[in-house]
């Protein structure tokens, strides 16, 4: 009976070693899966941050363009206003000159 007991003990030991190896393999798989998920989360977070920065830059460009257009339109309006003023002054002076050139008719 002793040889059979030795054989059974060896089989039990082999079985326990096999179970232990499976546990370690599962732990390793779980650990690698967690690491992979963590890396994916990090990548998603970095991509989202980059996207927000890109959107913020685009919004800044739009604001700058709007400011430039507003300043341009203001300058254009002032130029048009001053041109109209100059034209009115010129007409006024031209009209005064015409009045002076007319002979005075006394009745």
C-alpha atoms as a PDB file:
ATOM      1  CA  UNK A   1       0.000   0.000   0.000  1.00  0.00           C
ATOM      2  CA  UNK A   2       2.857   2.346   0.563  1.00  0.00           C
ATOM      3  CA  UNK A   3       3.701   2.641  -3.151  1.00  0.00           C
ATOM      4  CA  UNK A   4       0.068   3.472  -3.948  1.00  0.00           C
ATOM      5  CA  UNK A   5       0.010   6.092  -1.180  1.00  0.00           C
ATOM      6  CA  UNK A   6       3.193   7.588  -2.562  1.00  0.00           C
ATOM      7  CA  UNK A   7       1.695   7.676  -6.033  1.00  0.00           C
ATOM      8  CA  UNK A   8      -1.505   9.328  -4.706  1.00  0.00           C
ATOM      9  CA  UNK A   9       0.550  11.855  -2.784  1.00  0.00           C
ATOM     10  CA  UNK A  10       2.500  12.655  -5.958  1.00  0.00           C
ATOM     11  CA  UNK A  11      -0.744  13.032  -7.901  1.00  0.00           C
ATOM     12  CA  UNK A  12      -2.168  15.332  -5.199  1.00  0.00           C
ATOM     13  CA  UNK A  13       1.020  17.392  -5.206  1.00  0.00           C
ATOM     14  CA  UNK A  14       0.911  17.634  -9.020  1.00  0.00           C
ATOM     15  CA  UNK A  15      -2.752  18.606  -8.861  1.00  0.00           C
ATOM     16  CA  UNK A  16      -2.048  21.330  -6.245  1.00  0.00           C
ATOM     17  CA  UNK A  17       0.908  22.599  -8.301  1.00  0.00           C
ATOM     18  CA  UNK A  18      -1.362  22.726 -11.347  1.00  0.00           C
ATOM     19  CA  UNK A  19      -4.023  24.670  -9.412  1.00  0.00           C
ATOM     20  CA  UNK A  20      -1.364  27.072  -8.085  1.00  0.00           C
ATOM     21  CA  UNK A  21      -0.002  27.610 -11.606  1.00  0.00           C
ATOM     22  CA  UNK A  22      -3.536  28.355 -12.884  1.00  0.00           C
ATOM     23  CA  UNK A  23      -4.089  30.863 -10.050  1.00  0.00           C
ATOM     24  CA  UNK A  24      -0.813  32.631 -10.840  1.00  0.00           C
ATOM     25  CA  UNK A  25      -1.647  32.690 -14.552  1.00  0.00           C
ATOM     26  CA  UNK A  26      -5.083  34.186 -13.808  1.00  0.00           C
ATOM     27  CA  UNK A  27      -3.514  36.784 -11.505  1.00  0.00           C
ATOM     28  CA  UNK A  28      -1.044  37.670 -14.237  1.00  0.00           C
ATOM     29  CA  UNK A  29      -3.833  37.984 -16.816  1.00  0.00           C
ATOM     30  CA  UNK A  30      -5.912  40.169 -14.495  1.00  0.00           C
ATOM     31  CA  UNK A  31      -2.886  42.358 -13.741  1.00  0.00           C
ATOM     32  CA  UNK A  32      -2.043  42.809 -17.416  1.00  0.00           C
ATOM     33  CA  UNK A  33      -5.694  43.552 -18.213  1.00  0.00           C
ATOM     34  CA  UNK A  34      -5.795  46.203 -15.458  1.00  0.00           C
ATOM     35  CA  UNK A  35      -2.574  47.750 -16.754  1.00  0.00           C
ATOM     36  CA  UNK A  36      -3.958  47.791 -20.301  1.00  0.00           C
ATOM     37  CA  UNK A  37      -7.207  49.405 -19.111  1.00  0.00           C
ATOM     38  CA  UNK A  38      -5.246  51.958 -17.086  1.00  0.00           C
ATOM     39  CA  UNK A  39      -3.143  52.808 -20.147  1.00  0.00           C
ATOM     40  CA  UNK A  40      -6.298  53.181 -22.264  1.00  0.00           C
ATOM     41  CA  UNK A  41      -7.858  55.489 -19.662  1.00  0.00           C
ATOM     42  CA  UNK A  42      -4.686  57.581 -19.587  1.00  0.00           C
ATOM     43  CA  UNK A  43      -4.672  57.783 -23.372  1.00  0.00           C
ATOM     44  CA  UNK A  44      -8.354  58.813 -23.448  1.00  0.00           C
ATOM     45  CA  UNK A  45      -7.746  61.451 -20.804  1.00  0.00           C
ATOM     46  CA  UNK A  46      -4.755  62.870 -22.693  1.00  0.00           C
ATOM     47  CA  UNK A  47      -6.736  62.882 -25.947  1.00  0.00           C
ATOM     48  CA  UNK A  48      -9.624  64.708 -24.262  1.00  0.00           C
ATOM     49  CA  UNK A  49      -7.234  67.277 -22.792  1.00  0.00           C
ATOM     50  CA  UNK A  50      -5.632  67.810 -26.194  1.00  0.00           C
ATOM     51  CA  UNK A  51      -9.082  68.218 -27.763  1.00  0.00           C
ATOM     52  CA  UNK A  52     -10.092  70.809 -25.146  1.00  0.00           C
ATOM     53  CA  UNK A  53      -6.861  72.749 -25.723  1.00  0.00           C
ATOM     54  CA  UNK A  54      -7.443  72.639 -29.472  1.00  0.00           C
ATOM     55  CA  UNK A  55     -11.005  73.924 -29.030  1.00  0.00           C
ATOM     56  CA  UNK A  56      -9.794  76.696 -26.704  1.00  0.00           C
ATOM     57  CA  UNK A  57      -7.208  77.817 -29.271  1.00  0.00           C
ATOM     58  CA  UNK A  58      -9.859  77.845 -31.981  1.00  0.00           C
ATOM     59  CA  UNK A  59     -12.156  79.926 -29.771  1.00  0.00           C
ATOM     60  CA  UNK A  60      -9.295  82.364 -29.092  1.00  0.00           C
ATOM     61  CA  UNK A  61      -8.643  82.682 -32.828  1.00  0.00           C
ATOM     62  CA  UNK A  62     -12.327  83.431 -33.426  1.00  0.00           C
ATOM     63  CA  UNK A  63     -12.334  86.069 -30.682  1.00  0.00           C
ATOM     64  CA  UNK A  64      -9.173  87.676 -32.074  1.00  0.00           C
ATOM     65  CA  UNK A  65     -10.683  87.723 -35.551  1.00  0.00           C
ATOM     66  CA  UNK A  66     -13.875  89.302 -34.219  1.00  0.00           C
ATOM     67  CA  UNK A  67     -11.834  91.987 -32.432  1.00  0.00           C
ATOM     68  CA  UNK A  68      -9.869  92.700 -35.603  1.00  0.00           C
ATOM     69  CA  UNK A  69     -13.044  92.929 -37.678  1.00  0.00           C
ATOM     70  CA  UNK A  70     -14.661  95.218 -35.106  1.00  0.00           C
ATOM     71  CA  UNK A  71     -11.605  97.500 -35.100  1.00  0.00           C
ATOM     72  CA  UNK A  72     -11.515  97.420 -38.907  1.00  0.00           C
ATOM     73  CA  UNK A  73     -15.194  98.322 -39.198  1.00  0.00           C
ATOM     74  CA  UNK A  74     -14.798 101.088 -36.622  1.00  0.00           C
ATOM     75  CA  UNK A  75     -11.857 102.540 -38.536  1.00  0.00           C
ATOM     76  CA  UNK A  76     -13.781 102.228 -41.801  1.00  0.00           C
ATOM     77  CA  UNK A  77     -16.774 103.985 -40.256  1.00  0.00           C
ATOM     78  CA  UNK A  78     -14.589 106.779 -38.846  1.00  0.00           C
ATOM     79  CA  UNK A  79     -12.872 107.196 -42.211  1.00  0.00           C
ATOM     80  CA  UNK A  80     -16.216 107.375 -43.987  1.00  0.00           C
ATOM     81  CA  UNK A  81     -17.489 109.843 -41.389  1.00  0.00           C
ATOM     82  CA  UNK A  82     -14.419 112.059 -41.699  1.00  0.00           C
ATOM     83  CA  UNK A  83     -14.610 111.860 -45.503  1.00  0.00           C
ATOM     84  CA  UNK A  84     -18.247 112.928 -45.376  1.00  0.00           C
ATOM     85  CA  UNK A  85     -17.337 115.754 -43.016  1.00  0.00           C
ATOM     86  CA  UNK A  86     -14.563 116.917 -45.359  1.00  0.00           C
ATOM     87  CA  UNK A  87     -16.912 116.761 -48.324  1.00  0.00           C
ATOM     88  CA  UNK A  88     -19.514 118.786 -46.436  1.00  0.00           C
ATOM     89  CA  UNK A  89     -16.865 121.351 -45.473  1.00  0.00           C
ATOM     90  CA  UNK A  90     -15.697 121.564 -49.076  1.00  0.00           C
ATOM     91  CA  UNK A  91     -19.244 122.091 -50.302  1.00  0.00           C
ATOM     92  CA  UNK A  92     -19.800 124.694 -47.615  1.00  0.00           C
ATOM     93  CA  UNK A  93     -16.678 126.603 -48.609  1.00  0.00           C
ATOM     94  CA  UNK A  94     -17.486 126.205 -52.264  1.00  0.00           C
ATOM     95  CA  UNK A  95     -20.944 127.577 -51.630  1.00  0.00           C
ATOM     96  CA  UNK A  96     -19.501 130.575 -49.739  1.00  0.00           C
ATOM     97  CA  UNK A  97     -17.171 131.304 -52.590  1.00  0.00           C
ATOM     98  CA  UNK A  98     -20.047 131.253 -55.042  1.00  0.00           C
ATOM     99  CA  UNK A  99     -22.015 133.710 -52.937  1.00  0.00           C
ATOM    100  CA  UNK A 100     -19.101 136.117 -52.867  1.00  0.00           C
ATOM    101  CA  UNK A 101     -18.672 135.924 -56.617  1.00  0.00           C
ATOM    102  CA  UNK A 102     -22.281 136.857 -57.290  1.00  0.00           C
ATOM    103  CA  UNK A 103     -22.851 140.512 -57.890  1.00  0.00           C
ATOM    104  CA  UNK A 104     -24.992 142.276 -55.410  1.00  0.00           C
ATOM    105  CA  UNK A 105     -28.133 143.553 -57.032  1.00  0.00           C
ATOM    106  CA  UNK A 106     -29.493 146.665 -55.426  1.00  0.00           C
ATOM    107  CA  UNK A 107     -32.998 147.696 -56.243  1.00  0.00           C
END
